[in-house]
Amino acid sequence: MASGSDENGDQQLKLYSYYMSSCAYRVRIALNLKGLKYEYKAVNLLKGEQFSPEFRKLNPICCVPVLVDGDIAVSDSFAILLYLEEKYPQHPLLPEDLQRKAINFQAANIVCSSIQPLLNLAVLNYIEERVSPDAKIEWAKVHIGKGFAALEDLLKNYAGRYAIGDEVSFADLFLAPQIDASFSRFNLDMTQFPLLSRLHEAYDEIPAFIDARPDKQPDATS
């Protein structure tokens, strides 16, 4: 089984992460599920460390996460997860069935294309500065609600214990951080999303998900 170490036993996986980043959170879950050890490299987004010349060489768009695997650097959580799936196939995250694989990608894309980008730090700061702090929260709730309604509809015929069946899969890695943020950061009323609320409870029982939480990371603040 691959361990994320080179033949001399030296650790070669490094994850550039910020504890509150839902995109980095997804990758932390995957690394945990696959049993891969990695060095945590904190990038403080509030201090602008993502714009440093050193980090810009790793990711020209200046955001986390970035995974460094030996001589290979991969940025963007979707790309990183696909890379991990091929390089480290233990605990597969994608089913062989093409329809279920496509549903995994659809659910993941709803999160990473239609929800999360509208809630990132730059967008929320812009709304707070140009309108108000209250407008920022309402903006977040509206766009999370639209995405969550779509996810409830998409997954209703596929969900089992987890998003797509009874095994944790690719979609769950995107859903867990987004649902968690909706509870903790935006105080969203989740009673209108019973399926996602049930999944949230299921994720809270999985050590790989628990250990990936923001408050468990070395750069977490009290």
Protein backbone atom coordinates (compact mmCIF):
# COMPACT_ATOMS: atom_id res chain seq x y z
CA MET A 1 0.00 0.00 0.00
CA ALA A 2 1.26 3.43 -0.89
CA SER A 3 2.05 5.51 2.14
CA GLY A 4 2.95 8.91 0.72
CA SER A 5 6.63 8.33 1.52
CA ASP A 6 9.58 7.73 -0.78
CA GLU A 7 11.63 4.53 -0.83
CA ASN A 8 13.92 5.85 1.90
CA GLY A 9 10.95 6.43 4.19
CA ASP A 10 11.15 10.22 3.92
CA GLN A 11 7.81 11.92 3.82
CA GLN A 12 7.14 13.42 0.39
CA LEU A 13 3.51 14.54 0.52
CA LYS A 14 2.96 18.16 1.55
CA LEU A 15 -0.42 19.88 1.73
CA TYR A 16 -0.55 23.65 1.61
CA SER A 17 -3.73 24.38 3.52
CA TYR A 18 -5.68 26.92 5.52
CA TYR A 19 -7.75 25.47 8.32
CA MET A 20 -10.97 27.28 7.32
CA SER A 21 -10.71 26.51 3.61
CA SER A 22 -13.46 24.10 2.56
CA CYS A 23 -11.42 23.25 -0.56
CA ALA A 24 -8.46 22.17 1.56
CA TYR A 25 -10.86 20.37 3.93
CA ARG A 26 -11.94 18.11 1.02
CA VAL A 27 -8.36 17.09 0.36
CA ARG A 28 -7.62 16.48 4.03
CA ILE A 29 -10.54 14.02 4.15
CA ALA A 30 -9.24 12.16 1.10
CA LEU A 31 -5.71 11.91 2.50
CA ASN A 32 -7.12 10.57 5.76
CA LEU A 33 -9.38 8.03 4.05
CA LYS A 34 -6.48 6.77 1.96
CA GLY A 35 -4.22 6.53 4.99
CA LEU A 36 -1.65 8.90 3.51
CA LYS A 37 0.71 10.73 5.83
CA TYR A 38 1.52 14.29 4.85
CA GLU A 39 3.24 17.42 6.08
CA TYR A 40 0.80 20.23 6.81
CA LYS A 41 2.00 23.55 5.39
CA ALA A 42 -0.18 26.36 6.74
CA VAL A 43 -0.97 29.31 4.46
CA ASN A 44 -2.71 32.13 6.32
CA LEU A 45 -5.21 33.58 3.86
CA LEU A 46 -6.16 36.43 6.19
CA LYS A 47 -2.54 37.60 6.24
CA GLY A 48 -2.23 37.29 2.46
CA GLU A 49 0.43 34.57 2.56
CA GLN A 50 -1.11 33.05 -0.58
CA PHE A 51 0.20 36.04 -2.55
CA SER A 52 3.84 35.52 -1.61
CA PRO A 53 6.26 34.92 -4.51
CA GLU A 54 7.08 31.47 -3.11
CA PHE A 55 3.46 30.35 -3.03
CA ARG A 56 2.67 31.92 -6.39
CA LYS A 57 5.23 29.56 -7.94
CA LEU A 58 3.19 26.62 -6.63
CA ASN A 59 -0.19 28.05 -7.65
CA PRO A 60 -0.34 31.12 -9.91
CA ILE A 61 -3.98 31.77 -8.98
CA CYS A 62 -2.89 32.12 -5.34
CA CYS A 63 -5.30 29.91 -3.44
CA VAL A 64 -5.21 26.74 -1.38
CA PRO A 65 -4.99 23.81 -1.46
CA VAL A 66 -1.81 22.75 -3.19
CA LEU A 67 -0.54 19.18 -2.91
CA VAL A 68 3.15 18.54 -3.43
CA ASP A 69 4.03 14.90 -4.08
CA GLY A 70 7.76 14.65 -4.57
CA ASP A 71 8.51 16.68 -7.71
CA ILE A 72 4.83 17.09 -8.62
CA ALA A 73 2.70 20.03 -7.45
CA VAL A 74 -1.06 19.94 -8.03
CA SER A 75 -3.44 22.79 -7.20
CA ASP A 76 -7.27 22.92 -7.18
CA SER A 77 -9.07 20.45 -4.95
CA PHE A 78 -10.90 18.69 -7.81
CA ALA A 79 -7.63 18.08 -9.65
CA ILE A 80 -5.88 17.00 -6.46
CA LEU A 81 -8.58 14.47 -5.62
CA LEU A 82 -8.45 12.96 -9.11
CA TYR A 83 -4.66 12.80 -8.86
CA LEU A 84 -4.84 11.04 -5.49
CA GLU A 85 -7.40 8.60 -6.84
CA GLU A 86 -5.06 7.51 -9.63
CA LYS A 87 -1.76 7.65 -7.77
CA TYR A 88 -3.01 6.11 -4.51
CA PRO A 89 -5.90 3.76 -5.38
CA GLN A 90 -6.40 2.39 -1.87
CA HIS A 91 -9.86 3.21 -0.53
CA PRO A 92 -11.27 4.20 -3.94
CA LEU A 93 -13.49 7.27 -3.97
CA LEU A 94 -15.14 6.72 -7.35
CA PRO A 95 -17.37 3.76 -8.27
CA GLU A 96 -16.86 1.67 -11.40
CA ASP A 97 -20.49 2.21 -12.44
CA LEU A 98 -20.48 5.07 -14.96
CA GLN A 99 -23.84 6.49 -13.94
CA ARG A 100 -22.89 6.65 -10.27
CA LYS A 101 -19.52 8.10 -11.18
CA ALA A 102 -21.26 10.82 -13.18
CA ILE A 103 -23.58 11.60 -10.25
CA ASN A 104 -20.52 11.95 -8.03
CA PHE A 105 -19.06 14.48 -10.43
CA GLN A 106 -22.37 16.33 -10.73
CA ALA A 107 -22.77 16.66 -6.96
CA ALA A 108 -19.14 17.73 -6.53
CA ASN A 109 -19.52 20.34 -9.24
CA ILE A 110 -22.64 21.83 -7.68
CA VAL A 111 -20.55 22.49 -4.59
CA CYS A 112 -17.32 23.64 -6.24
CA SER A 113 -18.90 25.61 -9.10
CA SER A 114 -22.29 26.87 -7.89
CA ILE A 115 -21.85 27.30 -4.12
CA GLN A 116 -18.29 27.62 -2.81
CA PRO A 117 -16.92 30.22 -5.28
CA LEU A 118 -19.73 32.58 -4.30
CA LEU A 119 -18.73 32.28 -0.65
CA ASN A 120 -14.98 32.63 -0.84
CA LEU A 121 -13.14 35.23 1.19
CA ALA A 122 -12.67 37.75 -1.62
CA VAL A 123 -16.35 37.72 -2.62
CA LEU A 124 -17.69 38.01 0.94
CA ASN A 125 -15.23 40.78 1.81
CA TYR A 126 -16.25 42.69 -1.31
CA ILE A 127 -19.96 42.48 -0.40
CA GLU A 128 -19.28 43.48 3.21
CA GLU A 129 -17.23 46.50 2.12
CA ARG A 130 -19.57 47.64 -0.66
CA VAL A 131 -22.92 46.84 1.03
CA SER A 132 -22.91 45.61 4.64
CA PRO A 133 -22.02 42.68 6.90
CA ASP A 134 -25.68 41.62 6.99
CA ALA A 135 -25.82 41.58 3.19
CA LYS A 136 -22.82 39.26 3.18
CA ILE A 137 -24.62 36.68 5.31
CA GLU A 138 -27.85 36.92 3.31
CA TRP A 139 -25.89 36.50 0.07
CA ALA A 140 -24.30 33.35 1.46
CA LYS A 141 -27.59 31.88 2.63
CA VAL A 142 -29.32 32.50 -0.70
CA HIS A 143 -26.63 30.79 -2.75
CA ILE A 144 -26.14 27.91 -0.34
CA GLY A 145 -29.90 27.38 -0.35
CA LYS A 146 -30.07 27.22 -4.14
CA GLY A 147 -27.23 24.72 -4.29
CA PHE A 148 -28.53 22.60 -1.44
CA ALA A 149 -32.01 22.41 -2.99
CA ALA A 150 -30.41 21.13 -6.21
CA LEU A 151 -28.36 18.57 -4.27
CA GLU A 152 -31.41 17.29 -2.39
CA ASP A 153 -33.15 16.74 -5.73
CA LEU A 154 -30.11 15.19 -7.44
CA LEU A 155 -29.29 12.73 -4.65
CA LYS A 156 -32.75 11.62 -3.53
CA ASN A 157 -32.71 8.53 -5.75
CA TYR A 158 -29.08 7.61 -5.07
CA ALA A 159 -28.37 8.28 -1.41
CA GLY A 160 -27.87 5.44 1.02
CA ARG A 161 -25.94 5.83 4.21
CA TYR A 162 -23.88 8.41 2.33
CA ALA A 163 -24.48 10.67 -0.66
CA ILE A 164 -24.39 7.97 -3.32
CA GLY A 165 -24.94 4.58 -1.78
CA ASP A 166 -23.56 3.02 1.37
CA GLU A 167 -19.88 3.74 0.75
CA VAL A 168 -18.15 7.09 1.13
CA SER A 169 -17.41 8.48 -2.30
CA PHE A 170 -16.10 11.54 -4.13
CA ALA A 171 -19.28 13.57 -3.62
CA ASP A 172 -19.14 13.18 0.16
CA LEU A 173 -15.77 14.93 0.28
CA PHE A 174 -17.35 18.03 -1.25
CA LEU A 175 -20.59 17.87 0.70
CA ALA A 176 -19.15 17.47 4.20
CA PRO A 177 -17.17 20.75 4.35
CA GLN A 178 -19.94 22.73 2.67
CA ILE A 179 -22.63 21.45 5.03
CA ASP A 180 -20.34 21.99 8.00
CA ALA A 181 -19.72 25.61 6.98
CA SER A 182 -23.44 26.18 6.54
CA PHE A 183 -24.00 25.17 10.16
CA SER A 184 -20.99 26.81 11.75
CA ARG A 185 -20.34 29.95 9.69
CA PHE A 186 -23.70 30.94 8.23
CA ASN A 187 -26.21 29.48 10.70
CA LEU A 188 -28.35 28.17 7.84
CA ASP A 189 -31.72 26.61 8.72
CA MET A 190 -31.04 23.02 7.66
CA THR A 191 -34.53 21.70 8.43
CA GLN A 192 -35.45 22.36 4.80
CA PHE A 193 -32.68 19.99 3.70
CA PRO A 194 -33.39 16.68 5.47
CA LEU A 195 -31.16 14.53 3.26
CA LEU A 196 -28.12 16.76 3.69
CA SER A 197 -28.79 17.03 7.43
CA ARG A 198 -28.79 13.23 7.68
CA LEU A 199 -25.53 13.06 5.75
CA HIS A 200 -24.00 15.63 8.10
CA GLU A 201 -24.77 13.33 11.03
CA ALA A 202 -23.26 10.36 9.20
CA TYR A 203 -20.03 12.25 8.46
CA ASP A 204 -19.73 13.12 12.14
CA GLU A 205 -19.17 9.42 12.86
CA ILE A 206 -16.23 8.90 10.49
CA PRO A 207 -12.74 9.48 11.98
CA ALA A 208 -11.26 10.55 8.63
CA PHE A 209 -13.84 13.33 8.40
CA ILE A 210 -13.56 14.31 12.06
CA ASP A 211 -9.76 14.60 11.89
CA ALA A 212 -10.03 16.83 8.81
CA ARG A 213 -12.24 19.41 10.52
CA PRO A 214 -10.99 22.99 10.70
CA ASP A 215 -10.68 22.99 14.48
CA LYS A 216 -8.39 19.94 14.35
CA GLN A 217 -5.76 21.60 12.15
CA PRO A 218 -2.41 22.92 13.42
CA ASP A 219 -3.16 26.47 12.26
CA ALA A 220 -6.63 26.61 13.85
CA THR A 221 -7.25 29.60 16.09
CA SER A 222 -9.40 29.52 19.19
